[in-house]
Amino acid sequence: MRLLGIDASTSCVGYAVVESEDLSLVDLGFISLKKYIGLLDKTDIAISEIAKIIIKNNIANCPIWIEEAVIGFSAGMSSAQTISTLVGFNAMVTYATHSQLKFEVKHVKPGDARRACGLVLTTKKKAQGENQKQQVYRQLTSVNGLLKDINFPLKKTGKPKDENYDQADAYVVARYGAL
């Protein structure tokens, strides 16, 4: 059985498909929403693309896993307005996945999924300025990481492209669902 994991945000939706029997990665990518305005348009595009991913990867008779939106505040993190928008978008994607695509949706907290995948995160200060998404990506793409064989694109500066982080998080969500 193949499981789809989604990391939904208003600029980019990361997705990953994992085979539940052996936890192998089947598909990994992202849906860019940067050029769309408004949550309704972004949701329509996301759901249309998720439907294509489901068909392409022959996903059936299983829940779709979506990372819960972060709802807490931390120093230097997102504003209340940003968090509210992300929670709203996450809810819209969840509802549309259930009502339009006819899939059960399950949510997982980012920390729970990361721990289940063996990732150990620390504070930004202790991680030399890396936020949690960056720590996840670094650990997954390290020499012994679960995504070590994936050639993620880099910026001209040599740093990972922003969508790489969303794909890495989606992989963690899909893998959690398969465990």
Foldseek 3Di string as FASTA:
>chain_A
DKEKFWEDAQAKIWIWIADLVVRDTDDTDMDGNNVPDDLVVSLVSVLVVVLVVCVVVVDDDAAHEYEQQDDDDDPPDDDNVRSVRGNVSSVSNQVCCCPVVVHHYDYDYLVVLCVVQVQDDDPCVVVVNDDPLRSLLCQQCPPPHVPVPDDADPDPVRHGDPVSSNRSSRSSRRSSRSD
